[in-house]
Every structure is written in C-alpha cells, then in structure tokens.
Protein backbone atom coordinates (compact mmCIF):
# COMPACT_ATOMS: atom_id res chain seq x y z
CA UNK A 1 -7.73 -26.48 6.27
CA UNK A 2 -5.61 -24.06 4.18
CA UNK A 3 -2.40 -23.46 6.11
CA UNK A 4 0.49 -21.19 5.13
CA UNK A 5 4.01 -20.67 6.37
CA UNK A 6 4.70 -16.98 5.80
CA UNK A 7 7.89 -14.98 6.15
CA UNK A 8 8.55 -11.25 6.27
CA UNK A 9 10.48 -10.02 3.24
CA UNK A 10 10.70 -6.45 4.59
CA UNK A 11 10.36 -5.16 8.18
CA UNK A 12 6.83 -5.47 9.55
CA UNK A 13 5.53 -2.55 11.64
CA UNK A 14 2.54 -4.12 13.34
CA UNK A 15 1.31 -2.26 16.39
CA UNK A 16 -0.98 -3.51 19.11
CA UNK A 17 -3.05 -1.50 21.58
CA UNK A 18 -0.13 0.93 21.67
CA UNK A 19 1.03 1.53 18.08
CA UNK A 20 4.37 2.80 19.39
CA UNK A 21 4.82 -0.11 21.76
CA UNK A 22 6.26 -3.54 21.07
CA UNK A 23 5.07 -5.06 17.76
CA UNK A 24 2.21 -7.53 18.13
CA UNK A 25 1.21 -10.26 15.70
CA UNK A 26 -2.59 -10.20 15.61
CA UNK A 27 -5.17 -11.95 13.46
CA UNK A 28 -7.19 -8.71 13.41
CA UNK A 29 -4.43 -7.00 11.43
CA UNK A 30 -4.56 -9.75 8.81
CA UNK A 31 -8.35 -9.52 8.65
CA UNK A 32 -8.18 -5.79 7.99
CA UNK A 33 -5.70 -6.26 5.14
CA UNK A 34 -7.73 -9.14 3.70
CA UNK A 35 -10.86 -6.97 3.71
CA UNK A 36 -9.03 -4.33 1.66
CA UNK A 37 -7.88 -6.81 -0.99
CA UNK A 38 -11.23 -8.57 -1.17
CA UNK A 39 -12.95 -5.20 -1.65
CA UNK A 40 -10.51 -4.35 -4.44
CA UNK A 41 -11.06 -7.73 -6.12
CA UNK A 42 -14.86 -7.58 -5.84
CA UNK A 43 -14.90 -4.00 -7.12
CA UNK A 44 -13.22 -5.21 -10.29
CA UNK A 45 -16.03 -7.66 -11.06
CA UNK A 46 -19.07 -6.00 -9.42
CA UNK A 47 -18.26 -2.38 -10.21
CA UNK A 48 -17.20 0.34 -7.78
CA UNK A 49 -20.53 0.77 -6.00
CA UNK A 50 -19.47 0.69 -2.31
CA UNK A 51 -22.82 -0.57 -1.02
CA UNK A 52 -22.92 -3.52 -3.45
CA UNK A 53 -19.34 -4.50 -2.67
CA UNK A 54 -19.89 -4.10 1.07
CA UNK A 55 -22.79 -6.56 0.91
CA UNK A 56 -20.64 -9.25 -0.74
CA UNK A 57 -17.68 -8.46 1.53
CA UNK A 58 -19.80 -9.02 4.64
CA UNK A 59 -20.61 -12.54 3.45
CA UNK A 60 -16.92 -13.35 3.78
CA UNK A 61 -15.65 -11.29 6.71
CA UNK A 62 -18.89 -10.46 8.50
CA UNK A 63 -20.43 -7.17 9.59
CA UNK A 64 -21.96 -5.58 12.66
CA UNK A 65 -25.05 -7.73 12.01
CA UNK A 66 -23.45 -11.16 11.73
CA UNK A 67 -20.17 -12.94 12.38
CA UNK A 68 -17.73 -13.89 9.67
CA UNK A 69 -17.98 -17.48 8.43
CA UNK A 70 -14.19 -17.39 7.92
CA UNK A 71 -11.79 -17.77 10.83
CA UNK A 72 -8.26 -16.36 10.48
CA UNK A 73 -5.63 -17.67 12.89
CA UNK A 74 -2.03 -16.54 13.16
CA UNK A 75 0.64 -18.38 15.13
CA UNK A 76 4.04 -16.81 15.59
CA UNK A 77 7.15 -18.69 14.64
CA UNK A 78 10.57 -17.08 14.82
CA UNK A 79 10.09 -13.38 15.63
CA UNK A 80 12.67 -10.75 16.47
CA UNK A 81 12.34 -6.95 16.44
CA UNK A 82 14.45 -3.99 15.39
CA UNK A 83 13.85 -0.25 15.96
CA UNK A 84 13.43 2.27 13.16
CA UNK A 85 16.82 3.86 13.92
CA UNK A 86 18.55 0.54 13.33
CA UNK A 87 16.73 -0.04 10.04
CA UNK A 88 17.39 3.45 8.70
CA UNK A 89 21.01 3.84 9.84
CA UNK A 90 23.09 4.70 6.77
CA UNK A 91 20.05 4.11 4.54
CA UNK A 92 18.45 7.49 3.71
CA UNK A 93 16.09 5.94 1.19
CA UNK A 94 14.70 3.50 3.75
CA UNK A 95 14.56 6.31 6.30
CA UNK A 96 12.43 8.29 3.86
CA UNK A 97 10.06 5.40 3.13
CA UNK A 98 9.63 4.50 6.82
CA UNK A 99 9.71 8.14 7.99
CA UNK A 100 6.52 7.94 10.06
CA UNK A 101 8.13 5.30 12.30
CA UNK A 102 10.78 7.74 13.55
CA UNK A 103 10.73 9.15 17.07
CA UNK A 104 9.26 12.61 17.68
CA UNK A 105 9.39 15.01 20.60
CA UNK A 106 6.19 13.40 21.88
CA UNK A 107 6.48 9.76 20.82
CA UNK A 108 9.15 7.03 20.79
CA UNK A 109 10.28 5.39 17.58
CA UNK A 110 8.50 2.30 16.33
CA UNK A 111 10.01 -1.14 16.12
CA UNK A 112 9.34 -3.76 13.48
CA UNK A 113 9.47 -7.52 13.20
CA UNK A 114 12.71 -8.21 11.37
CA UNK A 115 13.12 -9.65 7.89
CA UNK A 116 12.99 -13.45 7.90
CA UNK A 117 10.48 -13.62 10.75
CA UNK A 118 8.06 -16.50 10.20
CA UNK A 119 4.45 -17.20 11.12
CA UNK A 120 1.75 -19.74 10.36
CA UNK A 121 -1.54 -18.45 8.98
CA UNK A 122 -4.65 -20.62 8.69
CA UNK A 123 -7.98 -19.76 7.09
CA UNK A 124 -10.94 -22.00 7.85
CA UNK A 125 -14.71 -22.01 8.09
CA UNK A 126 -16.33 -21.46 11.45
CA UNK A 127 -17.60 -24.69 12.99
CA UNK A 128 -21.04 -25.63 11.69
CA UNK A 129 -20.95 -23.07 8.88
CA UNK A 130 -21.31 -23.92 5.20
CA UNK A 131 -19.56 -21.37 3.04
CA UNK A 132 -16.96 -22.76 0.67
CA UNK A 133 -17.40 -19.72 -1.58
CA UNK A 134 -16.63 -17.42 1.35
CA UNK A 135 -13.45 -19.37 2.13
CA UNK A 136 -12.43 -19.29 -1.52
CA UNK A 137 -12.80 -15.52 -1.63
CA UNK A 138 -10.88 -15.08 1.61
CA UNK A 139 -8.07 -17.17 0.12
CA UNK A 140 -8.14 -15.04 -3.03
CA UNK A 141 -7.66 -11.95 -0.85
CA UNK A 142 -4.76 -13.66 0.92
CA UNK A 143 -3.11 -14.37 -2.44
CA UNK A 144 -3.37 -10.68 -3.35
CA UNK A 145 -2.00 -9.60 0.04
CA UNK A 146 1.06 -11.83 -0.34
CA UNK A 147 1.65 -11.00 -4.02
CA UNK A 148 0.81 -7.30 -4.40
CA UNK A 149 0.49 -5.81 -0.94
CA UNK A 150 1.91 -5.60 2.53
CA UNK A 151 0.79 -5.60 6.15
CA UNK A 152 0.97 -2.99 8.88
CA UNK A 153 2.23 0.59 8.96
CA UNK A 154 4.10 1.91 5.89
CA UNK A 155 2.85 -1.08 3.86
CA UNK A 156 2.31 1.20 0.84
CA UNK A 157 5.92 2.28 1.14
CA UNK A 158 7.45 -1.18 1.06
CA UNK A 159 7.21 -2.24 4.70
CA UNK A 160 5.42 -5.43 5.71
CA UNK A 161 5.94 -7.36 2.47
CA UNK A 162 5.03 -10.99 3.17
CA UNK A 163 5.74 -14.09 1.10
CA UNK A 164 4.36 -17.61 1.38
CA UNK A 165 7.09 -20.25 1.80
CA UNK A 166 4.80 -23.28 2.11
CA UNK A 167 1.10 -23.86 1.50
CA UNK A 168 -1.08 -26.88 2.32
CA UNK A 169 -4.75 -27.65 1.94
CA UNK A 170 -5.35 -25.04 -0.76
CA UNK A 171 -8.17 -25.75 -3.28
CA UNK A 172 -6.93 -26.57 -6.77
CA UNK A 173 -8.93 -23.78 -8.43
CA UNK A 174 -6.75 -21.09 -6.82
CA UNK A 175 -3.38 -19.95 -8.21
CA UNK A 176 -0.22 -21.07 -6.47
CA UNK A 177 0.63 -19.16 -3.32
CA UNK A 178 4.30 -20.14 -3.49
CA UNK A 179 6.24 -18.22 -6.11
CA UNK A 180 8.72 -20.06 -8.30
CA UNK A 181 9.84 -16.91 -10.13
CA UNK A 182 13.54 -16.12 -10.10
CA UNK A 183 13.48 -13.26 -12.62
CA UNK A 184 11.33 -10.14 -13.05
CA UNK A 185 9.98 -11.55 -16.32
CA UNK A 186 8.88 -14.79 -14.64
CA UNK A 187 7.23 -12.79 -11.84
CA UNK A 188 5.39 -10.71 -14.43
CA UNK A 189 3.97 -13.90 -15.95
CA UNK A 190 3.03 -15.31 -12.52
CA UNK A 191 1.13 -12.18 -11.58
CA UNK A 192 -0.71 -12.12 -14.91
CA UNK A 193 -1.75 -15.77 -14.57
CA UNK A 194 -2.80 -15.41 -10.94
CA UNK A 195 -4.82 -12.22 -11.42
CA UNK A 196 -6.58 -13.65 -14.47
CA UNK A 197 -7.50 -16.78 -12.54
CA UNK A 198 -8.85 -14.91 -9.53
CA UNK A 199 -11.00 -12.62 -11.65
CA UNK A 200 -12.51 -15.62 -13.42
CA UNK A 201 -13.26 -17.24 -10.06
CA UNK A 202 -15.23 -14.33 -8.64
CA UNK A 203 -17.12 -13.39 -11.81
CA UNK A 204 -17.01 -11.40 -15.02
CA UNK A 205 -15.84 -7.77 -15.07
CA UNK A 206 -18.24 -4.85 -14.77
CA UNK A 207 -17.49 -1.28 -15.85
CA UNK A 208 -16.10 1.07 -13.21
CA UNK A 209 -15.78 4.82 -12.94
CA UNK A 210 -12.44 6.26 -14.01
CA UNK A 211 -11.10 7.23 -11.54
CA UNK A 212 -12.86 4.69 -9.34
CA UNK A 213 -14.66 5.49 -6.09
CA UNK A 214 -12.33 3.22 -4.09
CA UNK A 215 -9.24 1.10 -4.84
CA UNK A 216 -10.36 -1.44 -7.45
CA UNK A 217 -8.52 -4.27 -9.20
CA UNK A 218 -9.73 -3.53 -12.73
CA UNK A 219 -7.41 -2.94 -15.71
CA UNK A 220 -9.13 0.38 -16.43
CA UNK A 221 -8.18 1.87 -13.06
CA UNK A 222 -5.33 -0.31 -11.79
CA UNK A 223 -1.87 -0.74 -13.29
CA UNK A 224 0.75 -3.19 -12.03
CA UNK A 225 4.44 -3.30 -12.88
CA UNK A 226 7.45 -5.44 -12.04
CA UNK A 227 10.70 -3.48 -12.04
CA UNK A 228 13.07 -5.08 -14.54
CA UNK A 229 15.98 -5.26 -12.11
CA UNK A 230 17.08 -7.64 -9.38
CA UNK A 231 18.66 -6.58 -6.09
CA UNK A 232 21.03 -8.52 -3.80
CA UNK A 233 18.95 -7.66 -0.72
CA UNK A 234 15.62 -6.20 0.32
CA UNK A 235 17.50 -3.21 1.72
CA UNK A 236 19.06 -2.37 -1.63
CA UNK A 237 15.68 -2.71 -3.35
CA UNK A 238 13.93 -0.31 -0.98
CA UNK A 239 16.94 2.00 -0.76
CA UNK A 240 16.90 2.43 -4.55
CA UNK A 241 13.23 3.37 -4.75
CA UNK A 242 13.40 5.41 -1.54
CA UNK A 243 16.33 7.53 -2.72
CA UNK A 244 14.55 8.10 -6.03
CA UNK A 245 11.30 9.23 -4.39
CA UNK A 246 13.12 11.41 -1.87
CA UNK A 247 15.14 13.12 -4.60
CA UNK A 248 12.08 13.58 -6.80
CA UNK A 249 10.20 15.08 -3.84
CA UNK A 250 12.97 17.59 -3.10
CA UNK A 251 13.04 18.67 -6.73
CA UNK A 252 9.28 19.23 -6.75
CA UNK A 253 9.45 21.01 -3.41
CA UNK A 254 11.92 23.50 -4.87
CA UNK A 255 9.52 24.22 -7.72
CA UNK A 256 6.45 24.50 -5.48
CA UNK A 257 7.98 26.39 -2.55
CA UNK A 258 7.78 29.96 -3.99
CA UNK A 259 4.06 29.56 -4.69
CA UNK A 260 3.41 28.11 -1.25
CA UNK A 261 5.36 30.92 0.41
CA UNK A 262 3.36 33.50 -1.54
CA UNK A 263 0.13 31.78 -0.52
CA UNK A 264 1.15 31.71 3.13
CA UNK A 265 1.79 35.44 2.87
CA UNK A 266 -1.71 36.29 1.76
CA UNK A 267 -2.27 35.05 -1.79
CA UNK A 268 -5.58 33.18 -1.75
CA UNK A 269 -5.02 30.75 -4.63
CA UNK A 270 -2.54 27.89 -4.90
CA UNK A 271 -1.27 26.57 -8.22
CA UNK A 272 -1.51 22.79 -8.74
CA UNK A 273 0.69 20.93 -6.23
CA UNK A 274 1.20 17.82 -8.33
CA UNK A 275 3.10 15.68 -5.83
CA UNK A 276 0.08 15.78 -3.53
CA UNK A 277 -1.17 12.86 -5.65
CA UNK A 278 1.27 10.71 -3.63
CA UNK A 279 -0.61 11.40 -0.42
CA UNK A 280 -1.66 13.99 2.16
CA UNK A 281 -0.89 15.85 4.30
CA UNK A 282 2.23 17.67 3.09
CA UNK A 283 4.04 19.94 5.54
CA UNK A 284 5.93 22.79 3.85
CA UNK A 285 8.94 24.10 5.78
CA UNK A 286 10.69 27.41 5.32
CA UNK A 287 14.41 26.61 5.71
CA UNK A 288 15.29 30.27 6.18
CA UNK A 289 13.38 30.50 9.46
CA UNK A 290 13.23 26.77 10.26
CA UNK A 291 9.50 26.65 10.76
CA UNK A 292 6.51 25.26 8.83
CA UNK A 293 4.85 27.57 6.33
CA UNK A 294 1.68 25.54 6.23
CA UNK A 295 0.09 22.13 5.90
CA UNK A 296 -1.49 21.01 2.64
CA UNK A 297 -4.53 18.75 3.03
CA UNK A 298 -8.05 18.23 1.77
CA UNK A 299 -10.74 20.73 2.64
CA UNK A 300 -12.67 18.04 4.54
CA UNK A 301 -10.15 15.18 4.62
CA UNK A 302 -6.79 15.83 6.24
CA UNK A 303 -5.30 12.52 5.10
CA UNK A 304 -5.12 10.70 1.81
CA UNK A 305 -3.10 7.50 1.36
CA UNK A 306 -0.72 7.14 -1.55
CA UNK A 307 -2.30 5.40 -4.55
CA UNK A 308 1.08 3.83 -5.40
CA UNK A 309 1.90 0.62 -3.53
CA UNK A 310 5.52 -0.54 -3.31
CA UNK A 311 6.30 -4.17 -2.57
CA UNK A 312 9.48 -6.24 -2.35
CA UNK A 313 9.32 -9.86 -3.55
CA UNK A 314 11.93 -12.55 -3.10
CA UNK A 315 13.19 -13.90 -6.44
CA UNK A 316 15.18 -16.99 -5.55
CA UNK A 317 18.24 -15.67 -3.75
CA UNK A 318 17.63 -12.11 -4.96
CA UNK A 319 14.84 -9.54 -4.66
CA UNK A 320 12.50 -7.65 -6.96
CA UNK A 321 10.08 -4.74 -6.80
CA UNK A 322 6.36 -4.73 -7.63
CA UNK A 323 4.45 -1.46 -8.05
CA UNK A 324 0.65 -1.24 -8.02
CA UNK A 325 -1.15 1.98 -8.92
CA UNK A 326 -4.82 2.49 -8.06
CA UNK A 327 -6.35 5.31 -10.09
CA UNK A 328 -8.91 6.28 -7.45
CA UNK A 329 -10.75 9.55 -6.78
CA UNK A 330 -8.17 11.69 -5.01
CA UNK A 331 -10.81 13.49 -2.95
CA UNK A 332 -14.62 13.44 -3.09
CA UNK A 333 -16.09 15.46 -5.99
CA UNK A 334 -16.00 19.20 -5.36
CA UNK A 335 -13.43 19.08 -2.56
CA UNK A 336 -10.35 21.28 -2.94
CA UNK A 337 -6.88 21.27 -1.48
CA UNK A 338 -6.28 23.83 1.25
CA UNK A 339 -3.10 25.22 2.77
CA UNK A 340 -3.71 25.56 6.50
CA UNK A 341 -1.88 27.62 9.06
CA UNK A 342 0.44 25.31 10.98
CA UNK A 343 0.87 27.60 13.98
CA UNK A 344 -2.15 26.19 15.79
CA UNK A 345 -5.06 28.19 14.44
CA UNK A 346 -5.64 25.82 11.53
CA UNK A 347 -7.02 28.68 9.46
CA UNK A 348 -7.12 28.35 5.66
CA UNK A 349 -4.36 30.37 4.00
CA UNK A 350 -5.09 29.39 0.41
CA UNK A 351 -7.06 26.96 -1.75
CA UNK A 352 -6.06 25.06 -4.86
CA UNK A 353 -7.10 22.34 -7.31
CA UNK A 354 -6.62 18.63 -6.71
CA UNK A 355 -3.66 17.07 -8.55
CA UNK A 356 -4.14 15.08 -11.72
CA UNK A 357 -3.08 11.52 -12.52
CA UNK A 358 -1.21 12.61 -15.64
CA UNK A 359 1.69 13.91 -13.52
CA UNK A 360 2.19 10.60 -11.72
CA UNK A 361 1.89 8.44 -14.83
CA UNK A 362 3.51 10.90 -17.21
CA UNK A 363 6.36 12.25 -15.08
CA UNK A 364 7.10 10.31 -11.90
CA UNK A 365 6.83 6.75 -13.22
CA UNK A 366 8.88 7.39 -16.39
CA UNK A 367 11.57 8.98 -14.20
CA UNK A 368 11.46 5.97 -11.87
CA UNK A 369 11.85 3.64 -14.85
CA UNK A 370 14.95 5.58 -15.88
CA UNK A 371 16.57 5.81 -12.44
CA UNK A 372 15.55 2.56 -10.71
CA UNK A 373 14.73 0.11 -13.50
CA UNK A 374 12.51 -0.36 -16.54
CA UNK A 375 8.89 -1.20 -15.80
CA UNK A 376 7.40 -4.47 -17.03
CA UNK A 377 3.64 -3.92 -16.98
CA UNK A 378 1.34 -6.79 -16.06
CA UNK A 379 -1.40 -6.56 -18.69
CA UNK A 380 -4.26 -8.59 -20.09
CA UNK A 381 -5.69 -9.77 -16.78
C-alpha cells in the first residue's frame, strides 16, 4: 500500500463544514485536489475534450454512477494552527497573497495549519477491486500535487504547499516522490524527469486547443519555471513574490483607474484591463471618496481563478519557488468583461474585452524574473 509522510511547507488553509472555523484535515480535500491534477495530466495526453477526460477520470476517482476504486486516507500527525493575522504580521507580501483569509466586517479571519505540520497519506484499492492502472494514475496525480501544486484555500498563491518526506510501497515505474534537489537547477531537472515519466505512463500526447478548454499539462499550453534563487525560509520566498505582485498590481491600478472612473461615470466601453488575466473579480476603489467604483467580472462568470500557480519547495535547508502557468480560455468564447455597480444594484456600467496572454508572459513574468529571480524553464517534457 503506497504510504507517504507529508509535511506542510507553507501554511495550509483547509476548512471544514465552516470554512472560517478551525482547520480540518479531510481526505475529501485531497481527493478534490487529486482530481484536478489527474484531469490536467489526462488532458495532456487525451486532448482537452472535457467529456473524454471526465470518462477516464471517473475510472480513478468515481462518479455519481459508481464508487471510486481508489481509497484515499489521511491521518494527522503533528498539527498546530495559526491565524491569518499572525502569519501576515510585518509581512505585507504574505498578507497580499493570503488576503482572502483576513477578517471582514461579517466574517472572522481564517486559521491555517502551521508550517512543519505532518500527516500520513495512503492511497489503496478498495477491497475486492482490481484496478492497478487506476491506482497508478491516482499516484501520478499525487506526485503532481506535491511537486507543482498546493492544497486548500490560496493554494494558487503559495499557501498549502506540501512535500513528501518519506514514501513506501510506491511502484517502481513512478518517479520519486521524495525530492533530493538542493539547488534550483537540480529541481528543474527533477521536474523535467518526473513530468516526462508520468506522460509516458499515461499515454502519448494529443493536440490541444491553444488556449485550452481547461487547465492541461501539455507543453503547448502549460509552462513551468523554477526561480533561480534560494531563500532562507518559506516566509522570505513568499514575501518576495508577494511584494512583487502587490507592487505590480498597484502600478497597473494607477494606469487603469482613470478609464475605470470614466466608465463608472457613464462611458459604456472599457479599455483592456490586462491584469484581469490574474483572476476575477477585481474591485476598483476610489481613494478620494473611499468607496468602490465598481467590480470587474465576467458577463456570466463572476469568478475566474488565476492561471499562475505559485509553490514553495524545500531545497535541503533552504527554499525555492516553482511557477506553473496554464494558458487556458480566460472566459467562454464570446463572453466579455463587465464593470458592475458595486452599490447593490449590480447593474452593468461598462463592457470591455477579455485580457490577452501576451501581457502576462510578455510583461509580468519578465518583470518578476528581474525583481525576484531569473526563471529556469522546465522544457522538453
């Protein structure tokens, strides 16, 4: 039975029945994350047809019609918690990245499992079920989760990074779950080798749309980098990237604000709001009157997750950053961005085009490479 000792490398915001209540370690949260990474992996070899991928995914993690052949169990080890205010104190970059965990006038702040918390995760086949291929694919998804992704709230912003400390009972045809990399260059090579091996295991690549219909691990629509810099702590790693993104956002806000103010005053058309590519909604505030001017969101979809995933990885006694970019359809074809009235009526003040990938890849990432650290791209997988 494949068994893993896993530790948190960054704080883990994992809610239970009450997302703002005490953090809860649940197998269901792992299953949800594993589904995402399996879907991304399968999309890279089957193509980005959601129905085809969903059919293969259900053979591993089940569907409404049949149970999953794979059982995921999580046993807590050493777990302590810390509130958002304690994590963000004196760390504006971390406060920016974990912003949604703050308290509001209506809700208390969230707490997270602290860094260094440990847990045991096992993946096995349900009793009486034959499905070694299903278990293999579930393990492949677990490798991706613990090498590229994160778990829980704010996982795309660096929270919930997990790393395998020990692994037992893993089939030999899978890449190593325990990293031996102590430098960004070594991590770059590990990721290349692991990704190449997983893609060979699940099948040959098929063409995908560019941008893809959903997040897909395919070199055409997915780029992965290791930042060529080591940090003494996870806090310094996330603080560096958080301060950069916060500063970059403020600069863009200053450029975009006049157009948004004009639109809120009656102009019907918005110019391109390029930083929307990093996720929706965006609330625009007017500092002169201390109130929101409007909320930018999709015409039919009010939320859109960031396509850029930030992860912290332990490199020996130091820490590194891994960035994964999914070039996915920003909104369904034909859907526009809209600036809505934030006063309660939710009326549309203005409409505008969806942002383009060229801004993120041509402006934001080069600036990040200059301010945070050069980017070592993982290629050839």
